[in-house]
Amino acid sequence: MADVKLNHIKKSYGKVDVLHGIDLDIKHGEFVVLVGASGCGKSTLLRLIAGLEEITAGELVIDNKIVNHLDPARRGIAMVFQSYALYPHMSVFKNMAFGLKIAGQNKRAVREKVEQAAKILQIDHLLDRLPRELSGGQRQRVAIGRAIVRDPNVFLFDEPLSNLDAALRVQTRVEIGKLHKDLGATIIYVTHDQVEAMTLGDKIVVMNAGRVEQCGSPLELYRYPQTKFVAGFIGSPKMNFIEGHVDKTATEYLTITLEDGTQVQAHVDTSGIQEGTKVTVGIRPEHLFEGRNLPGQLSGDVKLVEHLGEVTYIYMSLADGTEVVVRGEGESEVEVGDKLQASFAPESVHVFNMDGKALPRIRRSAEIPADNPAIVTASQA
């Protein structure tokens, strides 16, 4: 396996700029997820790493070698595509062995590698079958096995679960996570699904319009998003956003008046912010509680209730018409038409300026594991 470094990578198609200078440092053995909405450039970036597209500017370094002009076969990478890309006339064994045979490896070595990979992926009983005789999840495991047998420096996954049904997606996601632990592989994984990103990635790279919005661990992005875009993308249901203005500043908190007149406090870095400044308040649905006595309060009319068993999602409308989602208890008795008061703690409030940049939240030692060297108790993000 190897480190991967992207130094100011740019990609243009004629006069159209697609990637605007991507800098990334991927360490040996990391599972890095590129995530973002469709059209953000994540799959294009993966194809540049794979050598399927030419880099317009910048340097791509794999295993301490600049590989911009190397053929894909010489980069030490293996790619798993969204569409499986299996040869329909070949058995599972022949599909997995094809690349090794082309490389001139002897039959015994090829069989050993294929059988070992098949055992890891629990498809060793399917080696004689054709792709049409397999389920979607089994076909994807064959595609992953074809990558494993090559023993590459870096695995590249391009939305490998998007063609699977919901149950198979969960199952295959778990298998990919286990595979990473077993192989200790360097994996770069593209998805538009933030649940996949949060559950699989050691490091998540959130992309937006050809740029990196933020890069960090799943919990870092969830707790301390640096932009409104990241805050809205990470988390399901997404963060609630409410417009307001700064009413009062203090050393470690702001008092903000919302559009409906409600006042809330937020524990954020107040340096450089002035009274009267327009801001956007962000509160996650899971940080809003019905029936609790917390300092922050939002009141509204219940418009929709979704009972999912273990949780209830309550959609309410504030006095100014802003829609807010509350994650309630599974056995919540709230009904459409009810008046609801949802409470929250000031520590859970995010604040964004009019440019979409987050005001750094005050970090508390209880929120992030103490063994994280980047976090200092009661320091500022």
Protein backbone atom coordinates (compact mmCIF):
# COMPACT_ATOMS: atom_id res chain seq x y z
CA MET A 1 0.00 0.00 0.00
CA ALA A 2 1.08 3.62 -0.42
CA ASP A 3 0.48 7.24 0.41
CA VAL A 4 -1.40 9.35 -2.13
CA LYS A 5 -0.87 13.10 -2.46
CA LEU A 6 -2.80 15.50 -4.64
CA ASN A 7 -1.02 18.81 -5.09
CA HIS A 8 -3.28 21.54 -6.51
CA ILE A 9 -4.96 19.20 -9.00
CA LYS A 10 -7.00 20.96 -11.69
CA LYS A 11 -9.17 19.59 -14.47
CA SER A 12 -10.68 21.48 -17.37
CA TYR A 13 -12.66 20.42 -20.43
CA GLY A 14 -11.84 23.12 -22.93
CA LYS A 15 -12.82 26.39 -21.29
CA VAL A 16 -14.91 24.68 -18.61
CA ASP A 17 -13.08 24.32 -15.28
CA VAL A 18 -14.30 21.25 -13.37
CA LEU A 19 -11.76 20.94 -10.54
CA HIS A 20 -10.25 24.10 -9.09
CA GLY A 21 -7.02 23.08 -7.35
CA ILE A 22 -7.57 20.04 -5.10
CA ASP A 23 -5.05 19.42 -2.30
CA LEU A 24 -5.29 16.12 -0.41
CA ASP A 25 -2.91 14.02 1.65
CA ILE A 26 -4.01 10.38 1.97
CA LYS A 27 -1.94 8.22 4.30
CA HIS A 28 -1.15 4.53 3.90
CA GLY A 29 -4.07 2.40 5.08
CA GLU A 30 -6.64 5.22 5.27
CA PHE A 31 -10.21 4.84 4.09
CA VAL A 32 -10.97 8.19 2.45
CA VAL A 33 -14.45 9.00 1.17
CA LEU A 34 -15.10 11.66 -1.45
CA VAL A 35 -18.66 12.81 -0.94
CA GLY A 36 -20.86 15.48 -2.46
CA ALA A 37 -23.90 16.14 -4.59
CA SER A 38 -24.04 15.02 -8.23
CA GLY A 39 -21.81 17.16 -10.42
CA CYS A 40 -19.44 18.25 -7.64
CA GLY A 41 -16.41 16.60 -9.33
CA LYS A 42 -15.83 13.62 -7.04
CA SER A 43 -15.99 10.95 -9.76
CA THR A 44 -13.84 13.10 -12.06
CA LEU A 45 -11.22 13.32 -9.32
CA LEU A 46 -11.28 9.55 -8.88
CA ARG A 47 -10.82 9.05 -12.62
CA LEU A 48 -7.81 11.38 -12.55
CA ILE A 49 -6.25 9.24 -9.80
CA ALA A 50 -7.00 6.11 -11.81
CA GLY A 51 -5.45 7.56 -14.96
CA LEU A 52 -8.69 7.41 -16.94
CA GLU A 53 -8.61 11.20 -17.43
CA GLU A 54 -5.66 13.52 -18.03
CA ILE A 55 -4.75 16.01 -15.31
CA THR A 56 -4.84 19.61 -16.56
CA ALA A 57 -2.53 20.97 -13.86
CA GLY A 58 -1.00 19.92 -10.55
CA GLU A 59 0.82 16.81 -9.36
CA LEU A 60 -0.51 13.38 -8.43
CA VAL A 61 1.93 11.41 -6.25
CA ILE A 62 1.45 7.71 -5.44
CA ASP A 63 4.08 5.90 -3.36
CA ASN A 64 6.40 8.93 -3.62
CA LYS A 65 6.28 8.90 -7.43
CA ILE A 66 4.69 11.52 -9.68
CA VAL A 67 2.29 9.50 -11.83
CA ASN A 68 0.58 12.19 -13.93
CA HIS A 69 1.72 10.64 -17.21
CA LEU A 70 1.82 6.97 -16.19
CA ASP A 71 -0.63 4.54 -17.76
CA PRO A 72 -3.33 3.23 -15.40
CA ALA A 73 -1.76 -0.25 -15.39
CA ARG A 74 1.51 1.16 -14.02
CA ARG A 75 0.03 3.22 -11.18
CA GLY A 76 -0.53 0.32 -8.78
CA ILE A 77 -4.27 0.95 -8.48
CA ALA A 78 -7.38 -1.21 -8.84
CA MET A 79 -10.81 0.26 -9.48
CA VAL A 80 -14.28 -1.06 -8.64
CA PHE A 81 -16.96 0.48 -10.83
CA GLN A 82 -20.58 1.28 -10.13
CA SER A 83 -21.78 -1.07 -12.90
CA TYR A 84 -19.71 -4.17 -11.89
CA ALA A 85 -18.16 -4.35 -15.41
CA LEU A 86 -17.97 -8.16 -15.43
CA TYR A 87 -17.40 -10.24 -18.56
CA PRO A 88 -20.78 -11.96 -19.09
CA HIS A 89 -19.36 -14.99 -20.91
CA MET A 90 -16.74 -15.76 -18.23
CA SER A 91 -17.24 -17.61 -14.95
CA VAL A 92 -16.61 -15.88 -11.62
CA PHE A 93 -13.20 -17.52 -11.45
CA LYS A 94 -12.22 -16.36 -14.93
CA ASN A 95 -13.48 -12.84 -14.26
CA MET A 96 -11.34 -12.59 -11.13
CA ALA A 97 -8.32 -14.22 -12.78
CA PHE A 98 -8.38 -12.33 -16.07
CA GLY A 99 -6.11 -9.44 -15.05
CA LEU A 100 -3.54 -11.80 -13.52
CA LYS A 101 -3.43 -13.96 -16.66
CA ILE A 102 -2.94 -10.89 -18.85
CA ALA A 103 -0.03 -9.94 -16.56
CA GLY A 104 1.55 -13.34 -17.27
CA GLN A 105 1.31 -14.89 -13.81
CA ASN A 106 1.48 -18.70 -13.63
CA LYS A 107 -1.69 -20.75 -13.23
CA ARG A 108 -0.94 -21.95 -9.70
CA ALA A 109 -0.36 -18.43 -8.37
CA VAL A 110 -3.48 -17.21 -10.12
CA ARG A 111 -5.63 -19.96 -8.61
CA GLU A 112 -4.26 -19.35 -5.11
CA LYS A 113 -4.94 -15.62 -5.27
CA VAL A 114 -8.44 -16.04 -6.69
CA GLU A 115 -9.43 -18.70 -4.17
CA GLN A 116 -8.06 -16.65 -1.28
CA ALA A 117 -9.95 -13.52 -2.37
CA ALA A 118 -13.13 -15.52 -2.96
CA LYS A 119 -12.91 -16.97 0.54
CA ILE A 120 -12.50 -13.51 2.08
CA LEU A 121 -15.57 -12.30 0.19
CA GLN A 122 -17.56 -15.50 0.86
CA ILE A 123 -18.08 -16.26 -2.82
CA ASP A 124 -15.78 -19.31 -3.01
CA HIS A 125 -18.85 -21.50 -3.72
CA LEU A 126 -19.75 -19.35 -6.75
CA LEU A 127 -16.51 -19.60 -8.74
CA ASP A 128 -18.04 -21.74 -11.52
CA ARG A 129 -21.11 -19.56 -12.06
CA LEU A 130 -21.66 -16.95 -14.77
CA PRO A 131 -22.48 -13.32 -13.80
CA ARG A 132 -26.11 -13.72 -14.93
CA GLU A 133 -26.55 -16.43 -12.30
CA LEU A 134 -25.58 -14.07 -9.46
CA SER A 135 -27.47 -11.49 -7.44
CA GLY A 136 -26.46 -7.83 -7.58
CA GLY A 137 -24.59 -8.07 -4.27
CA GLN A 138 -22.71 -11.17 -5.44
CA ARG A 139 -21.72 -9.48 -8.69
CA GLN A 140 -20.34 -6.52 -6.78
CA ARG A 141 -18.31 -8.86 -4.58
CA VAL A 142 -16.87 -10.46 -7.70
CA ALA A 143 -15.84 -7.00 -8.92
CA ILE A 144 -14.23 -6.30 -5.55
CA GLY A 145 -12.48 -9.69 -5.68
CA ARG A 146 -11.07 -8.90 -9.11
CA ALA A 147 -9.49 -5.81 -7.54
CA ILE A 148 -8.17 -7.67 -4.48
CA VAL A 149 -6.27 -10.33 -6.45
CA ARG A 150 -4.16 -7.62 -8.11
CA ASP A 151 -2.74 -6.65 -4.69
CA PRO A 152 -2.73 -2.94 -5.63
CA ASN A 153 -1.24 0.01 -3.76
CA VAL A 154 -4.61 1.79 -3.76
CA PHE A 155 -8.21 0.64 -4.16
CA LEU A 156 -10.61 3.01 -5.91
CA PHE A 157 -14.38 2.58 -5.47
CA ASP A 158 -16.77 4.58 -7.68
CA GLU A 159 -20.24 4.48 -6.04
CA PRO A 160 -20.16 0.66 -5.80
CA LEU A 161 -23.45 0.36 -3.90
CA SER A 162 -25.72 2.64 -5.93
CA ASN A 163 -27.13 -0.20 -8.06
CA LEU A 164 -28.10 -2.35 -5.06
CA ASP A 165 -31.40 -2.40 -3.18
CA ALA A 166 -31.58 -1.03 0.37
CA ALA A 167 -30.91 -4.30 2.21
CA LEU A 168 -28.01 -5.28 -0.05
CA ARG A 169 -26.50 -1.81 0.28
CA VAL A 170 -26.32 -2.16 4.05
CA GLN A 171 -24.92 -5.69 3.84
CA THR A 172 -22.30 -4.82 1.21
CA ARG A 173 -21.34 -1.63 3.06
CA VAL A 174 -20.59 -3.71 6.16
CA GLU A 175 -18.56 -6.16 4.07
CA ILE A 176 -16.47 -3.35 2.55
CA GLY A 177 -15.80 -1.97 6.03
CA LYS A 178 -14.65 -5.38 7.24
CA LEU A 179 -12.55 -5.85 4.11
CA HIS A 180 -10.69 -2.61 4.82
CA LYS A 181 -9.89 -3.77 8.35
CA ASP A 182 -8.72 -7.19 7.13
CA LEU A 183 -6.54 -5.91 4.28
CA GLY A 184 -5.27 -2.68 5.86
CA ALA A 185 -5.74 -1.23 2.40
CA THR A 186 -5.59 2.36 1.21
CA ILE A 187 -9.08 3.00 -0.15
CA ILE A 188 -10.48 6.06 -1.96
CA TYR A 189 -14.25 5.73 -2.15
CA VAL A 190 -16.72 7.96 -4.01
CA THR A 191 -20.35 8.27 -2.98
CA HIS A 192 -23.19 10.80 -2.86
CA ASP A 193 -24.64 9.02 0.19
CA GLN A 194 -23.52 10.71 3.40
CA VAL A 195 -24.57 7.64 5.46
CA GLU A 196 -22.02 5.55 3.53
CA ALA A 197 -19.45 8.29 4.07
CA MET A 198 -20.05 8.53 7.82
CA THR A 199 -20.02 4.77 8.43
CA LEU A 200 -17.08 3.79 6.21
CA GLY A 201 -14.61 6.66 6.15
CA ASP A 202 -11.64 7.36 8.40
CA LYS A 203 -11.50 10.68 6.59
CA ILE A 204 -14.29 12.38 4.66
CA VAL A 205 -13.68 14.91 1.91
CA VAL A 206 -16.80 16.99 1.25
CA MET A 207 -16.73 18.44 -2.26
CA ASN A 208 -18.82 21.25 -3.72
CA ALA A 209 -18.59 22.66 -7.24
CA GLY A 210 -15.12 21.27 -7.89
CA ARG A 211 -13.62 22.38 -4.58
CA VAL A 212 -12.99 20.78 -1.19
CA GLU A 213 -15.37 22.35 1.32
CA GLN A 214 -13.94 20.50 4.32
CA CYS A 215 -11.85 17.44 5.11
CA GLY A 216 -11.82 15.59 8.41
CA SER A 217 -13.06 12.63 10.44
CA PRO A 218 -16.79 11.83 10.38
CA LEU A 219 -17.38 13.18 13.90
CA GLU A 220 -15.28 16.27 13.21
CA LEU A 221 -17.46 17.19 10.23
CA TYR A 222 -20.64 16.39 12.13
CA ARG A 223 -19.73 18.42 15.22
CA TYR A 224 -17.74 21.25 13.71
CA PRO A 225 -18.77 21.95 10.10
CA GLN A 226 -16.84 24.92 8.73
CA THR A 227 -19.51 25.97 6.22
CA LYS A 228 -23.27 25.93 5.93
CA PHE A 229 -22.94 23.57 2.96
CA VAL A 230 -21.11 20.94 5.01
CA ALA A 231 -23.52 21.38 7.93
CA GLY A 232 -26.47 20.74 5.64
CA PHE A 233 -24.87 17.82 3.83
CA ILE A 234 -23.62 15.81 6.83
CA GLY A 235 -26.45 14.46 8.96
CA SER A 236 -29.84 12.92 8.20
CA PRO A 237 -32.32 14.56 8.32
CA LYS A 238 -30.25 17.59 7.49
CA MET A 239 -29.60 20.47 9.88
CA ASN A 240 -32.37 23.04 10.42
CA PHE A 241 -31.46 26.57 9.29
CA ILE A 242 -33.21 29.63 10.78
CA GLU A 243 -32.48 33.23 9.84
CA GLY A 244 -31.83 35.89 12.48
CA HIS A 245 -29.51 38.68 13.62
CA VAL A 246 -27.02 39.15 16.45
CA ASP A 247 -28.69 40.94 19.34
CA LYS A 248 -25.87 40.80 21.91
CA THR A 249 -22.26 39.61 22.07
CA ALA A 250 -20.42 38.24 25.11
CA THR A 251 -17.07 36.53 25.62
CA GLU A 252 -18.12 32.98 24.69
CA TYR A 253 -21.66 33.29 23.41
CA LEU A 254 -24.02 35.26 21.20
CA THR A 255 -27.63 36.18 21.79
CA ILE A 256 -29.48 35.93 18.48
CA THR A 257 -32.99 37.10 17.66
CA LEU A 258 -34.69 34.87 15.10
CA GLU A 259 -37.08 36.09 12.41
CA ASP A 260 -40.11 35.14 14.54
CA GLY A 261 -38.79 37.13 17.50
CA THR A 262 -37.47 34.17 19.51
CA GLN A 263 -34.13 34.76 21.23
CA VAL A 264 -31.53 31.99 21.39
CA GLN A 265 -27.98 31.73 22.67
CA ALA A 266 -25.07 30.07 20.88
CA HIS A 267 -21.69 29.16 22.36
CA VAL A 268 -19.41 30.31 19.55
CA ASP A 269 -16.30 32.41 19.04
CA THR A 270 -17.63 35.98 19.05
CA SER A 271 -14.48 37.74 17.86
CA GLY A 272 -15.12 39.83 14.76
CA ILE A 273 -18.91 39.66 14.95
CA GLN A 274 -20.94 42.79 15.60
CA GLU A 275 -24.40 43.41 17.01
CA GLY A 276 -27.02 43.70 14.29
CA THR A 277 -25.17 41.34 11.92
CA LYS A 278 -27.43 38.97 10.00
CA VAL A 279 -26.66 35.31 10.63
CA THR A 280 -28.11 31.86 10.07
CA VAL A 281 -28.69 29.62 13.09
CA GLY A 282 -28.28 25.87 12.61
CA ILE A 283 -29.73 23.19 14.91
CA ARG A 284 -29.77 19.49 14.12
CA PRO A 285 -33.12 17.64 14.46
CA GLU A 286 -31.57 15.25 17.00
CA HIS A 287 -30.58 18.20 19.21
CA LEU A 288 -34.19 19.41 19.49
CA PHE A 289 -36.26 17.76 22.22
CA GLU A 290 -39.95 17.73 23.02
CA GLY A 291 -40.88 17.93 26.69
CA ARG A 292 -37.45 18.84 28.08
CA ASN A 293 -36.53 21.87 30.15
CA LEU A 294 -33.50 23.25 28.30
CA PRO A 295 -32.52 26.94 27.93
CA GLY A 296 -33.32 27.22 24.23
CA GLN A 297 -36.94 27.04 23.04
CA LEU A 298 -38.59 26.94 19.61
CA SER A 299 -42.37 26.98 19.25
CA GLY A 300 -44.41 26.07 16.21
CA ASP A 301 -47.36 24.27 14.65
CA VAL A 302 -46.97 20.59 13.79
CA LYS A 303 -47.50 20.05 10.05
CA LEU A 304 -46.43 16.41 9.61
CA VAL A 305 -45.52 13.45 11.84
CA GLU A 306 -43.50 10.44 10.63
CA HIS A 307 -43.53 7.42 12.98
CA LEU A 308 -40.58 5.12 12.19
CA GLY A 309 -40.75 2.89 15.27
CA GLU A 310 -37.58 3.76 17.15
CA VAL A 311 -37.87 7.44 16.27
CA THR A 312 -40.51 9.99 15.25
CA TYR A 313 -39.76 12.89 12.93
CA ILE A 314 -41.91 15.92 13.64
CA TYR A 315 -42.15 18.69 11.05
CA MET A 316 -43.26 21.99 12.51
CA SER A 317 -43.61 25.54 11.21
CA LEU A 318 -42.38 28.52 13.22
CA ALA A 319 -44.34 31.78 13.41
CA ASP A 320 -42.45 33.23 10.42
CA GLY A 321 -43.11 30.13 8.30
CA THR A 322 -39.66 28.53 8.68
CA GLU A 323 -39.94 24.74 8.66
CA VAL A 324 -38.08 22.84 11.38
CA VAL A 325 -37.62 19.08 11.87
CA VAL A 326 -37.56 17.63 15.40
CA ARG A 327 -36.35 14.10 16.09
CA GLY A 328 -38.78 12.87 18.76
CA GLU A 329 -39.14 9.68 20.76
CA GLY A 330 -40.37 6.59 18.97
CA GLU A 331 -43.62 6.57 20.95
CA SER A 332 -44.25 10.31 20.66
CA GLU A 333 -47.95 11.18 20.81
CA VAL A 334 -47.60 14.49 18.94
CA GLU A 335 -50.22 14.92 16.23
CA VAL A 336 -50.67 17.18 13.23
CA GLY A 337 -52.17 20.51 14.33
CA ASP A 338 -50.59 20.44 17.80
CA LYS A 339 -48.57 23.34 19.18
CA LEU A 340 -45.08 22.08 19.97
CA GLN A 341 -42.28 23.49 22.07
CA ALA A 342 -38.90 22.03 21.22
CA SER A 343 -35.98 22.78 23.51
CA PHE A 344 -32.23 22.69 22.92
CA ALA A 345 -28.92 23.44 24.61
CA PRO A 346 -26.93 26.55 23.54
CA GLU A 347 -23.87 24.29 23.07
CA SER A 348 -25.61 22.50 20.19
CA VAL A 349 -26.29 25.67 18.17
CA HIS A 350 -24.28 26.46 15.03
CA VAL A 351 -24.02 29.97 13.60
CA PHE A 352 -23.15 30.92 10.00
CA ASN A 353 -22.45 34.33 8.55
CA MET A 354 -23.98 35.58 5.31
CA ASP A 355 -21.09 34.06 3.32
CA GLY A 356 -21.97 30.61 4.68
CA LYS A 357 -18.89 30.40 6.91
CA ALA A 358 -19.35 28.95 10.40
CA LEU A 359 -18.49 30.93 13.50
CA PRO A 360 -16.22 28.49 15.38
CA ARG A 361 -18.06 26.68 18.16
CA ILE A 362 -16.48 26.49 21.61
CA ARG A 363 -15.11 22.97 21.86
CA ARG A 364 -15.84 21.05 25.05
CA SER A 365 -13.83 18.06 26.26
CA ALA A 366 -17.03 16.02 26.71
CA GLU A 367 -17.88 16.30 23.02
CA ILE A 368 -14.73 14.81 21.50
CA PRO A 369 -12.62 11.87 22.77
CA ALA A 370 -9.77 13.01 24.98
CA ASP A 371 -7.23 11.02 22.94
CA ASN A 372 -7.70 13.35 19.97
CA PRO A 373 -4.50 15.47 20.07
CA ALA A 374 -6.09 18.18 17.94
CA ILE A 375 -8.63 19.03 20.63
CA VAL A 376 -7.85 21.10 23.69
CA THR A 377 -10.36 21.31 26.52
CA ALA A 378 -12.49 24.44 26.26
CA SER A 379 -10.41 25.64 23.31
CA GLN A 380 -11.90 27.31 20.28
CA ALA A 381 -12.41 25.61 16.93
